[in-house]
Amino acid sequence: MIRGTTPTHTFNIPFEASMIKECRVLYAQDDVVIVTKSTSDCILEGTTVKTTLSQQDTFKFDSNKGVQIQLRILTKNDVALASVVATVGIARCLEDEVMM
């Protein structure tokens, strides 16, 4: 991932997304959550959950540290699930300005 970009992250789940009551995608550095995307920020389709980060979101990350990503889901049956935390690198951007 590169600071100042708008990446879309897609999560494949083992059931239909229509079973989701609530979901969150958490982005953290050093185990501190920096960005949270909620159900309204996600596209739930088939067996996938997709969310897109804004330029403002990715500028919040320190390019000297990895970004931890986790998907949490609460199903309509009130079963709480979470993905294993994945860590991705974050590359720097030569400026800290949001493009309009």
PDB file of N, CA and C in Angstrom:
ATOM      1  N   MET A   1       0.850  -1.155   0.000  1.00  0.00           N
ATOM      2  CA  MET A   1       0.000   0.000   0.000  1.00  0.00           C
ATOM      3  C   MET A   1       0.909   1.234   0.000  1.00  0.00           C
ATOM      4  N   ILE A   2       0.453   2.296  -0.629  1.00  0.00           N
ATOM      5  CA  ILE A   2       1.226   3.533  -0.710  1.00  0.00           C
ATOM      6  C   ILE A   2       0.431   4.663  -0.071  1.00  0.00           C
ATOM      7  N   ARG A   3       1.094   5.433   0.778  1.00  0.00           N
ATOM      8  CA  ARG A   3       0.436   6.579   1.395  1.00  0.00           C
ATOM      9  C   ARG A   3      -0.109   7.502   0.303  1.00  0.00           C
ATOM     10  N   GLY A   4      -1.274   8.114   0.559  1.00  0.00           N
ATOM     11  CA  GLY A   4      -1.851   9.068  -0.383  1.00  0.00           C
ATOM     12  C   GLY A   4      -2.598   8.448  -1.543  1.00  0.00           C
ATOM     13  N   THR A   5      -2.751   7.113  -1.523  1.00  0.00           N
ATOM     14  CA  THR A   5      -3.514   6.439  -2.583  1.00  0.00           C
ATOM     15  C   THR A   5      -4.857   5.975  -2.025  1.00  0.00           C
ATOM     16  N   THR A   6      -5.681   5.401  -2.884  1.00  0.00           N
ATOM     17  CA  THR A   6      -7.024   4.956  -2.494  1.00  0.00           C
ATOM     18  C   THR A   6      -7.211   3.464  -2.801  1.00  0.00           C
ATOM     19  N   PRO A   7      -6.503   2.606  -2.081  1.00  0.00           N
ATOM     20  CA  PRO A   7      -6.601   1.171  -2.369  1.00  0.00           C
ATOM     21  C   PRO A   7      -7.942   0.574  -1.953  1.00  0.00           C
ATOM     22  N   THR A   8      -8.384  -0.408  -2.715  1.00  0.00           N
ATOM     23  CA  THR A   8      -9.568  -1.187  -2.361  1.00  0.00           C
ATOM     24  C   THR A   8      -9.103  -2.542  -1.865  1.00  0.00           C
ATOM     25  N   HIS A   9      -9.598  -2.946  -0.708  1.00  0.00           N
ATOM     26  CA  HIS A   9      -9.260  -4.250  -0.144  1.00  0.00           C
ATOM     27  C   HIS A   9     -10.477  -5.154  -0.209  1.00  0.00           C
ATOM     28  N   THR A  10     -10.261  -6.360  -0.692  1.00  0.00           N
ATOM     29  CA  THR A  10     -11.325  -7.345  -0.856  1.00  0.00           C
ATOM     30  C   THR A  10     -11.044  -8.531   0.051  1.00  0.00           C
ATOM     31  N   PHE A  11     -12.038  -8.911   0.821  1.00  0.00           N
ATOM     32  CA  PHE A  11     -11.939 -10.045   1.731  1.00  0.00           C
ATOM     33  C   PHE A  11     -12.907 -11.121   1.266  1.00  0.00           C
ATOM     34  N   ASN A  12     -12.415 -12.318   1.071  1.00  0.00           N
ATOM     35  CA  ASN A  12     -13.262 -13.451   0.704  1.00  0.00           C
ATOM     36  C   ASN A  12     -13.700 -14.148   1.985  1.00  0.00           C
ATOM     37  N   ILE A  13     -15.014 -14.360   2.116  1.00  0.00           N
ATOM     38  CA  ILE A  13     -15.557 -15.003   3.313  1.00  0.00           C
ATOM     39  C   ILE A  13     -16.219 -16.317   2.920  1.00  0.00           C
ATOM     40  N   PRO A  14     -16.320 -17.271   3.856  1.00  0.00           N
ATOM     41  CA  PRO A  14     -16.832 -18.607   3.514  1.00  0.00           C
ATOM     42  C   PRO A  14     -18.356 -18.742   3.574  1.00  0.00           C
ATOM     43  N   PHE A  15     -19.076 -17.636   3.437  1.00  0.00           N
ATOM     44  CA  PHE A  15     -20.543 -17.672   3.441  1.00  0.00           C
ATOM     45  C   PHE A  15     -21.041 -16.432   2.706  1.00  0.00           C
ATOM     46  N   GLU A  16     -22.327 -16.393   2.439  1.00  0.00           N
ATOM     47  CA  GLU A  16     -22.909 -15.266   1.715  1.00  0.00           C
ATOM     48  C   GLU A  16     -22.881 -14.001   2.571  1.00  0.00           C
ATOM     49  N   ALA A  17     -22.494 -12.917   1.968  1.00  0.00           N
ATOM     50  CA  ALA A  17     -22.403 -11.637   2.673  1.00  0.00           C
ATOM     51  C   ALA A  17     -23.773 -11.176   3.190  1.00  0.00           C
ATOM     52  N   SER A  18     -24.836 -11.703   2.628  1.00  0.00           N
ATOM     53  CA  SER A  18     -26.181 -11.352   3.104  1.00  0.00           C
ATOM     54  C   SER A  18     -26.414 -11.808   4.545  1.00  0.00           C
ATOM     55  N   MET A  19     -25.544 -12.667   5.057  1.00  0.00           N
ATOM     56  CA  MET A  19     -25.638 -13.156   6.446  1.00  0.00           C
ATOM     57  C   MET A  19     -25.001 -12.173   7.439  1.00  0.00           C
ATOM     58  N   ILE A  20     -24.388 -11.114   6.934  1.00  0.00           N
ATOM     59  CA  ILE A  20     -23.691 -10.166   7.801  1.00  0.00           C
ATOM     60  C   ILE A  20     -24.657  -9.134   8.373  1.00  0.00           C
ATOM     61  N   LYS A  21     -24.615  -9.015   9.688  1.00  0.00           N
ATOM     62  CA  LYS A  21     -25.369  -7.972  10.389  1.00  0.00           C
ATOM     63  C   LYS A  21     -24.528  -6.705  10.491  1.00  0.00           C
ATOM     64  N   GLU A  22     -23.271  -6.893  10.830  1.00  0.00           N
ATOM     65  CA  GLU A  22     -22.346  -5.773  10.981  1.00  0.00           C
ATOM     66  C   GLU A  22     -20.935  -6.242  10.651  1.00  0.00           C
ATOM     67  N   CYS A  23     -20.145  -5.351  10.083  1.00  0.00           N
ATOM     68  CA  CYS A  23     -18.737  -5.683   9.851  1.00  0.00           C
ATOM     69  C   CYS A  23     -17.881  -4.441  10.051  1.00  0.00           C
ATOM     70  N   ARG A  24     -16.627  -4.698  10.353  1.00  0.00           N
ATOM     71  CA  ARG A  24     -15.638  -3.638  10.499  1.00  0.00           C
ATOM     72  C   ARG A  24     -14.332  -4.121   9.896  1.00  0.00           C
ATOM     73  N   VAL A  25     -13.651  -3.219   9.218  1.00  0.00           N
ATOM     74  CA  VAL A  25     -12.297  -3.489   8.752  1.00  0.00           C
ATOM     75  C   VAL A  25     -11.407  -2.534   9.545  1.00  0.00           C
ATOM     76  N   LEU A  26     -10.475  -3.116  10.284  1.00  0.00           N
ATOM     77  CA  LEU A  26      -9.612  -2.347  11.168  1.00  0.00           C
ATOM     78  C   LEU A  26      -8.208  -2.263  10.584  1.00  0.00           C
ATOM     79  N   TYR A  27      -7.642  -1.062  10.608  1.00  0.00           N
ATOM     80  CA  TYR A  27      -6.281  -0.820  10.142  1.00  0.00           C
ATOM     81  C   TYR A  27      -5.503  -0.240  11.314  1.00  0.00           C
ATOM     82  N   ALA A  28      -4.407  -0.892  11.680  1.00  0.00           N
ATOM     83  CA  ALA A  28      -3.645  -0.472  12.849  1.00  0.00           C
ATOM     84  C   ALA A  28      -2.149  -0.457  12.560  1.00  0.00           C
ATOM     85  N   GLN A  29      -1.442   0.267  13.387  1.00  0.00           N
ATOM     86  CA  GLN A  29       0.027   0.215  13.402  1.00  0.00           C
ATOM     87  C   GLN A  29       0.437   0.096  14.864  1.00  0.00           C
ATOM     88  N   ASP A  30       1.368  -0.803  15.141  1.00  0.00           N
ATOM     89  CA  ASP A  30       1.795  -1.074  16.517  1.00  0.00           C
ATOM     90  C   ASP A  30       0.605  -1.415  17.419  1.00  0.00           C
ATOM     91  N   ASP A  31      -0.358  -2.168  16.879  1.00  0.00           N
ATOM     92  CA  ASP A  31      -1.548  -2.619  17.609  1.00  0.00           C
ATOM     93  C   ASP A  31      -2.484  -1.492  18.037  1.00  0.00           C
ATOM     94  N   VAL A  32      -2.336  -0.311  17.462  1.00  0.00           N
ATOM     95  CA  VAL A  32      -3.227   0.815  17.734  1.00  0.00           C
ATOM     96  C   VAL A  32      -4.052   1.067  16.474  1.00  0.00           C
ATOM     97  N   VAL A  33      -5.382   0.953  16.591  1.00  0.00           N
ATOM     98  CA  VAL A  33      -6.255   1.143  15.427  1.00  0.00           C
ATOM     99  C   VAL A  33      -6.205   2.605  14.993  1.00  0.00           C
ATOM    100  N   ILE A  34      -5.935   2.805  13.715  1.00  0.00           N
ATOM    101  CA  ILE A  34      -5.811   4.151  13.142  1.00  0.00           C
ATOM    102  C   ILE A  34      -7.008   4.484  12.251  1.00  0.00           C
ATOM    103  N   VAL A  35      -7.484   3.500  11.498  1.00  0.00           N
ATOM    104  CA  VAL A  35      -8.628   3.687  10.598  1.00  0.00           C
ATOM    105  C   VAL A  35      -9.580   2.521  10.802  1.00  0.00           C
ATOM    106  N   THR A  36     -10.875   2.834  10.905  1.00  0.00           N
ATOM    107  CA  THR A  36     -11.916   1.808  10.987  1.00  0.00           C
ATOM    108  C   THR A  36     -12.930   2.064   9.883  1.00  0.00           C
ATOM    109  N   LYS A  37     -13.205   1.043   9.095  1.00  0.00           N
ATOM    110  CA  LYS A  37     -14.260   1.107   8.096  1.00  0.00           C
ATOM    111  C   LYS A  37     -15.417   0.248   8.611  1.00  0.00           C
ATOM    112  N   SER A  38     -16.611   0.822   8.651  1.00  0.00           N
ATOM    113  CA  SER A  38     -17.779   0.106   9.167  1.00  0.00           C
ATOM    114  C   SER A  38     -18.607  -0.457   8.010  1.00  0.00           C
ATOM    115  N   THR A  39     -19.695  -1.114   8.353  1.00  0.00           N
ATOM    116  CA  THR A  39     -20.547  -1.756   7.349  1.00  0.00           C
ATOM    117  C   THR A  39     -20.936  -0.788   6.233  1.00  0.00           C
ATOM    118  N   SER A  40     -21.277   0.432   6.616  1.00  0.00           N
ATOM    119  CA  SER A  40     -21.706   1.421   5.610  1.00  0.00           C
ATOM    120  C   SER A  40     -20.576   1.835   4.662  1.00  0.00           C
ATOM    121  N   ASP A  41     -19.339   1.559   5.048  1.00  0.00           N
ATOM    122  CA  ASP A  41     -18.181   1.873   4.203  1.00  0.00           C
ATOM    123  C   ASP A  41     -17.779   0.700   3.312  1.00  0.00           C
ATOM    124  N   CYS A  42     -18.518  -0.398   3.422  1.00  0.00           N
ATOM    125  CA  CYS A  42     -18.160  -1.634   2.709  1.00  0.00           C
ATOM    126  C   CYS A  42     -19.202  -1.996   1.661  1.00  0.00           C
ATOM    127  N   ILE A  43     -18.766  -2.741   0.674  1.00  0.00           N
ATOM    128  CA  ILE A  43     -19.666  -3.351  -0.308  1.00  0.00           C
ATOM    129  C   ILE A  43     -19.710  -4.834   0.033  1.00  0.00           C
ATOM    130  N   LEU A  44     -20.906  -5.321   0.362  1.00  0.00           N
ATOM    131  CA  LEU A  44     -21.111  -6.729   0.700  1.00  0.00           C
ATOM    132  C   LEU A  44     -21.776  -7.383  -0.500  1.00  0.00           C
ATOM    133  N   GLU A  45     -21.048  -8.307  -1.137  1.00  0.00           N
ATOM    134  CA  GLU A  45     -21.528  -8.867  -2.396  1.00  0.00           C
ATOM    135  C   GLU A  45     -21.079 -10.310  -2.524  1.00  0.00           C
ATOM    136  N   GLY A  46     -22.027 -11.212  -2.739  1.00  0.00           N
ATOM    137  CA  GLY A  46     -21.667 -12.622  -2.884  1.00  0.00           C
ATOM    138  C   GLY A  46     -20.969 -13.121  -1.641  1.00  0.00           C
ATOM    139  N   THR A  47     -19.723 -13.546  -1.798  1.00  0.00           N
ATOM    140  CA  THR A  47     -18.934 -14.009  -0.653  1.00  0.00           C
ATOM    141  C   THR A  47     -17.725 -13.098  -0.431  1.00  0.00           C
ATOM    142  N   THR A  48     -17.933 -11.791  -0.697  1.00  0.00           N
ATOM    143  CA  THR A  48     -16.840 -10.836  -0.499  1.00  0.00           C
ATOM    144  C   THR A  48     -17.298  -9.616   0.291  1.00  0.00           C
ATOM    145  N   VAL A  49     -16.330  -9.029   0.961  1.00  0.00           N
ATOM    146  CA  VAL A  49     -16.487  -7.734   1.630  1.00  0.00           C
ATOM    147  C   VAL A  49     -15.389  -6.855   1.042  1.00  0.00           C
ATOM    148  N   LYS A  50     -15.774  -5.681   0.517  1.00  0.00           N
ATOM    149  CA  LYS A  50     -14.797  -4.763  -0.082  1.00  0.00           C
ATOM    150  C   LYS A  50     -14.896  -3.409   0.593  1.00  0.00           C
ATOM    151  N   THR A  51     -13.758  -2.784   0.782  1.00  0.00           N
ATOM    152  CA  THR A  51     -13.731  -1.412   1.282  1.00  0.00           C
ATOM    153  C   THR A  51     -12.578  -0.670   0.636  1.00  0.00           C
ATOM    154  N   THR A  52     -12.745   0.633   0.512  1.00  0.00           N
ATOM    155  CA  THR A  52     -11.728   1.471  -0.110  1.00  0.00           C
ATOM    156  C   THR A  52     -11.268   2.529   0.877  1.00  0.00           C
ATOM    157  N   LEU A  53      -9.975   2.682   0.986  1.00  0.00           N
ATOM    158  CA  LEU A  53      -9.406   3.720   1.835  1.00  0.00           C
ATOM    159  C   LEU A  53      -9.317   5.023   1.047  1.00  0.00           C
ATOM    160  N   SER A  54      -9.469   6.139   1.739  1.00  0.00           N
ATOM    161  CA  SER A  54      -9.321   7.448   1.101  1.00  0.00           C
ATOM    162  C   SER A  54      -7.858   7.889   1.166  1.00  0.00           C
ATOM    163  N   GLN A  55      -7.534   8.944   0.437  1.00  0.00           N
ATOM    164  CA  GLN A  55      -6.196   9.514   0.526  1.00  0.00           C
ATOM    165  C   GLN A  55      -5.908   9.942   1.975  1.00  0.00           C
ATOM    166  N   GLN A  56      -6.920  10.555   2.611  1.00  0.00           N
ATOM    167  CA  GLN A  56      -6.763  10.985   4.000  1.00  0.00           C
ATOM    168  C   GLN A  56      -6.460   9.797   4.909  1.00  0.00           C
ATOM    169  N   ASP A  57      -7.146   8.676   4.667  1.00  0.00           N
ATOM    170  CA  ASP A  57      -6.912   7.472   5.470  1.00  0.00           C
ATOM    171  C   ASP A  57      -5.464   7.010   5.354  1.00  0.00           C
ATOM    172  N   THR A  58      -4.974   6.867   4.121  1.00  0.00           N
ATOM    173  CA  THR A  58      -3.635   6.300   3.939  1.00  0.00           C
ATOM    174  C   THR A  58      -2.540   7.264   4.374  1.00  0.00           C
ATOM    175  N   PHE A  59      -2.819   8.576   4.368  1.00  0.00           N
ATOM    176  CA  PHE A  59      -1.836   9.528   4.869  1.00  0.00           C
ATOM    177  C   PHE A  59      -1.661   9.419   6.388  1.00  0.00           C
ATOM    178  N   LYS A  60      -2.589   8.775   7.076  1.00  0.00           N
ATOM    179  CA  LYS A  60      -2.487   8.598   8.531  1.00  0.00           C
ATOM    180  C   LYS A  60      -1.438   7.550   8.911  1.00  0.00           C
ATOM    181  N   PHE A  61      -1.031   6.717   7.947  1.00  0.00           N
ATOM    182  CA  PHE A  61      -0.093   5.642   8.246  1.00  0.00           C
ATOM    183  C   PHE A  61       1.351   6.117   8.172  1.00  0.00           C
ATOM    184  N   ASP A  62       2.167   5.585   9.068  1.00  0.00           N
ATOM    185  CA  ASP A  62       3.603   5.850   9.100  1.00  0.00           C
ATOM    186  C   ASP A  62       4.275   4.880   8.122  1.00  0.00           C
ATOM    187  N   SER A  63       4.999   5.424   7.157  1.00  0.00           N
ATOM    188  CA  SER A  63       5.608   4.559   6.138  1.00  0.00           C
ATOM    189  C   SER A  63       6.787   3.748   6.670  1.00  0.00           C
ATOM    190  N   ASN A  64       7.180   3.977   7.904  1.00  0.00           N
ATOM    191  CA  ASN A  64       8.268   3.208   8.514  1.00  0.00           C
ATOM    192  C   ASN A  64       7.773   1.973   9.261  1.00  0.00           C
ATOM    193  N   LYS A  65       6.459   1.753   9.260  1.00  0.00           N
ATOM    194  CA  LYS A  65       5.870   0.626   9.990  1.00  0.00           C
ATOM    195  C   LYS A  65       4.881  -0.104   9.094  1.00  0.00           C
ATOM    196  N   GLY A  66       4.691  -1.387   9.343  1.00  0.00           N
ATOM    197  CA  GLY A  66       3.682  -2.141   8.613  1.00  0.00           C
ATOM    198  C   GLY A  66       2.284  -1.779   9.101  1.00  0.00           C
ATOM    199  N   VAL A  67       1.299  -2.029   8.257  1.00  0.00           N
ATOM    200  CA  VAL A  67      -0.103  -1.797   8.618  1.00  0.00           C
ATOM    201  C   VAL A  67      -0.761  -3.153   8.864  1.00  0.00           C
ATOM    202  N   GLN A  68      -1.380  -3.279  10.024  1.00  0.00           N
ATOM    203  CA  GLN A  68      -2.106  -4.499  10.373  1.00  0.00           C
ATOM    204  C   GLN A  68      -3.558  -4.326   9.919  1.00  0.00           C
ATOM    205  N   ILE A  69      -4.111  -5.370   9.302  1.00  0.00           N
ATOM    206  CA  ILE A  69      -5.478  -5.312   8.785  1.00  0.00           C
ATOM    207  C   ILE A  69      -6.254  -6.505   9.318  1.00  0.00           C
ATOM    208  N   GLN A  70      -7.472  -6.248   9.813  1.00  0.00           N
ATOM    209  CA  GLN A  70      -8.330  -7.333  10.294  1.00  0.00           C
ATOM    210  C   GLN A  70      -9.784  -7.037   9.951  1.00  0.00           C
ATOM    211  N   LEU A  71     -10.488  -8.064   9.511  1.00  0.00           N
ATOM    212  CA  LEU A  71     -11.923  -7.997   9.251  1.00  0.00           C
ATOM    213  C   LEU A  71     -12.651  -8.624  10.426  1.00  0.00           C
ATOM    214  N   ARG A  72     -13.615  -7.900  10.987  1.00  0.00           N
ATOM    215  CA  ARG A  72     -14.473  -8.456  12.033  1.00  0.00           C
ATOM    216  C   ARG A  72     -15.895  -8.475  11.509  1.00  0.00           C
ATOM    217  N   ILE A  73     -16.622  -9.543  11.813  1.00  0.00           N
ATOM    218  CA  ILE A  73     -17.987  -9.715  11.323  1.00  0.00           C
ATOM    219  C   ILE A  73     -18.881 -10.173  12.461  1.00  0.00           C
ATOM    220  N   LEU A  74     -20.105  -9.639  12.489  1.00  0.00           N
ATOM    221  CA  LEU A  74     -21.163 -10.165  13.338  1.00  0.00           C
ATOM    222  C   LEU A  74     -22.266 -10.612  12.400  1.00  0.00           C
ATOM    223  N   THR A  75     -22.621 -11.887  12.457  1.00  0.00           N
ATOM    224  CA  THR A  75     -23.650 -12.415  11.562  1.00  0.00           C
ATOM    225  C   THR A  75     -25.041 -12.093  12.106  1.00  0.00           C
ATOM    226  N   LYS A  76     -26.033 -12.306  11.285  1.00  0.00           N
ATOM    227  CA  LYS A  76     -27.420 -12.092  11.701  1.00  0.00           C
ATOM    228  C   LYS A  76     -27.823 -13.049  12.816  1.00  0.00           C
ATOM    229  N   ASN A  77     -27.054 -14.125  13.002  1.00  0.00           N
ATOM    230  CA  ASN A  77     -27.287 -15.075  14.102  1.00  0.00           C
ATOM    231  C   ASN A  77     -26.451 -14.707  15.332  1.00  0.00           C
ATOM    232  N   ASP A  78     -25.863 -13.507  15.340  1.00  0.00           N
ATOM    233  CA  ASP A  78     -25.022 -13.009  16.439  1.00  0.00           C
ATOM    234  C   ASP A  78     -23.781 -13.858  16.695  1.00  0.00           C
ATOM    235  N   VAL A  79     -23.237 -14.439  15.631  1.00  0.00           N
ATOM    236  CA  VAL A  79     -21.963 -15.134  15.715  1.00  0.00           C
ATOM    237  C   VAL A  79     -20.876 -14.117  15.349  1.00  0.00           C
ATOM    238  N   ALA A  80     -19.904 -13.939  16.238  1.00  0.00           N
ATOM    239  CA  ALA A  80     -18.825 -12.984  16.004  1.00  0.00           C
ATOM    240  C   ALA A  80     -17.619 -13.711  15.420  1.00  0.00           C
ATOM    241  N   LEU A  81     -17.088 -13.181  14.325  1.00  0.00           N
ATOM    242  CA  LEU A  81     -15.952 -13.774  13.627  1.00  0.00           C
ATOM    243  C   LEU A  81     -14.886 -12.716  13.391  1.00  0.00           C
ATOM    244  N   ALA A  82     -13.647 -13.155  13.252  1.00  0.00           N
ATOM    245  CA  ALA A  82     -12.555 -12.236  12.929  1.00  0.00           C
ATOM    246  C   ALA A  82     -11.539 -12.963  12.069  1.00  0.00           C
ATOM    247  N   SER A  83     -10.951 -12.225  11.151  1.00  0.00           N
ATOM    248  CA  SER A  83      -9.881 -12.801  10.333  1.00  0.00           C
ATOM    249  C   SER A  83      -8.581 -12.766  11.123  1.00  0.00           C
ATOM    250  N   VAL A  84      -7.642 -13.554  10.669  1.00  0.00           N
ATOM    251  CA  VAL A  84      -6.285 -13.469  11.201  1.00  0.00           C
ATOM    252  C   VAL A  84      -5.740 -12.106  10.777  1.00  0.00           C
ATOM    253  N   VAL A  85      -4.977 -11.472  11.639  1.00  0.00           N
ATOM    254  CA  VAL A  85      -4.404 -10.167  11.313  1.00  0.00           C
ATOM    255  C   VAL A  85      -3.343 -10.339  10.220  1.00  0.00           C
ATOM    256  N   ALA A  86      -3.484  -9.554   9.170  1.00  0.00           N
ATOM    257  CA  ALA A  86      -2.488  -9.540   8.087  1.00  0.00           C
ATOM    258  C   ALA A  86      -1.706  -8.242   8.205  1.00  0.00           C
ATOM    259  N   THR A  87      -0.439  -8.302   7.911  1.00  0.00           N
ATOM    260  CA  THR A  87       0.387  -7.094   7.936  1.00  0.00           C
ATOM    261  C   THR A  87       0.924  -6.831   6.538  1.00  0.00           C
ATOM    262  N   VAL A  88       0.734  -5.588   6.077  1.00  0.00           N
ATOM    263  CA  VAL A  88       1.240  -5.189   4.762  1.00  0.00           C
ATOM    264  C   VAL A  88       2.170  -3.993   4.939  1.00  0.00           C
ATOM    265  N   GLY A  89       3.087  -3.855   4.020  1.00  0.00           N
ATOM    266  CA  GLY A  89       3.989  -2.714   4.052  1.00  0.00           C
ATOM    267  C   GLY A  89       3.291  -1.454   3.578  1.00  0.00           C
ATOM    268  N   ILE A  90       3.810  -0.325   3.995  1.00  0.00           N
ATOM    269  CA  ILE A  90       3.268   0.955   3.534  1.00  0.00           C
ATOM    270  C   ILE A  90       4.429   1.770   2.956  1.00  0.00           C
ATOM    271  N   ALA A  91       4.302   2.127   1.704  1.00  0.00           N
ATOM    272  CA  ALA A  91       5.354   2.891   1.032  1.00  0.00           C
ATOM    273  C   ALA A  91       5.059   4.378   1.161  1.00  0.00           C
ATOM    274  N   ARG A  92       6.115   5.157   1.120  1.00  0.00           N
ATOM    275  CA  ARG A  92       5.942   6.592   1.303  1.00  0.00           C
ATOM    276  C   ARG A  92       5.485   7.273   0.019  1.00  0.00           C
ATOM    277  N   CYS A  93       4.957   8.458   0.211  1.00  0.00           N
ATOM    278  CA  CYS A  93       4.580   9.339  -0.889  1.00  0.00           C
ATOM    279  C   CYS A  93       5.474  10.568  -0.739  1.00  0.00           C
ATOM    280  N   LEU A  94       5.907  11.154  -1.820  1.00  0.00           N
ATOM    281  CA  LEU A  94       6.844  12.272  -1.761  1.00  0.00           C
ATOM    282  C   LEU A  94       6.204  13.571  -1.275  1.00  0.00           C
ATOM    283  N   GLU A  95       4.886  13.593  -1.123  1.00  0.00           N
ATOM    284  CA  GLU A  95       4.217  14.750  -0.549  1.00  0.00           C
ATOM    285  C   GLU A  95       3.087  14.278   0.364  1.00  0.00           C
ATOM    286  N   ASP A  96       2.609  15.155   1.225  1.00  0.00           N
ATOM    287  CA  ASP A  96       1.538  14.810   2.158  1.00  0.00           C
ATOM    288  C   ASP A  96       0.258  15.554   1.845  1.00  0.00           C
ATOM    289  N   GLU A  97       0.066  15.891   0.581  1.00  0.00           N
ATOM    290  CA  GLU A  97      -1.084  16.682   0.178  1.00  0.00           C
ATOM    291  C   GLU A  97      -2.124  15.812  -0.505  1.00  0.00           C
ATOM    292  N   VAL A  98      -3.393  15.977  -0.088  1.00  0.00           N
ATOM    293  CA  VAL A  98      -4.501  15.276  -0.730  1.00  0.00           C
ATOM    294  C   VAL A  98      -4.782  15.944  -2.061  1.00  0.00           C
ATOM    295  N   MET A  99      -4.856  15.140  -3.107  1.00  0.00           N
ATOM    296  CA  MET A  99      -5.167  15.664  -4.442  1.00  0.00           C
ATOM    297  C   MET A  99      -6.678  15.837  -4.572  1.00  0.00           C
ATOM    298  N   MET A 100      -7.093  16.948  -5.151  1.00  0.00           N
ATOM    299  CA  MET A 100      -8.525  17.223  -5.334  1.00  0.00           C
ATOM    300  C   MET A 100      -8.889  17.229  -6.796  1.00  0.00           C
TER     301      MET A 100
END
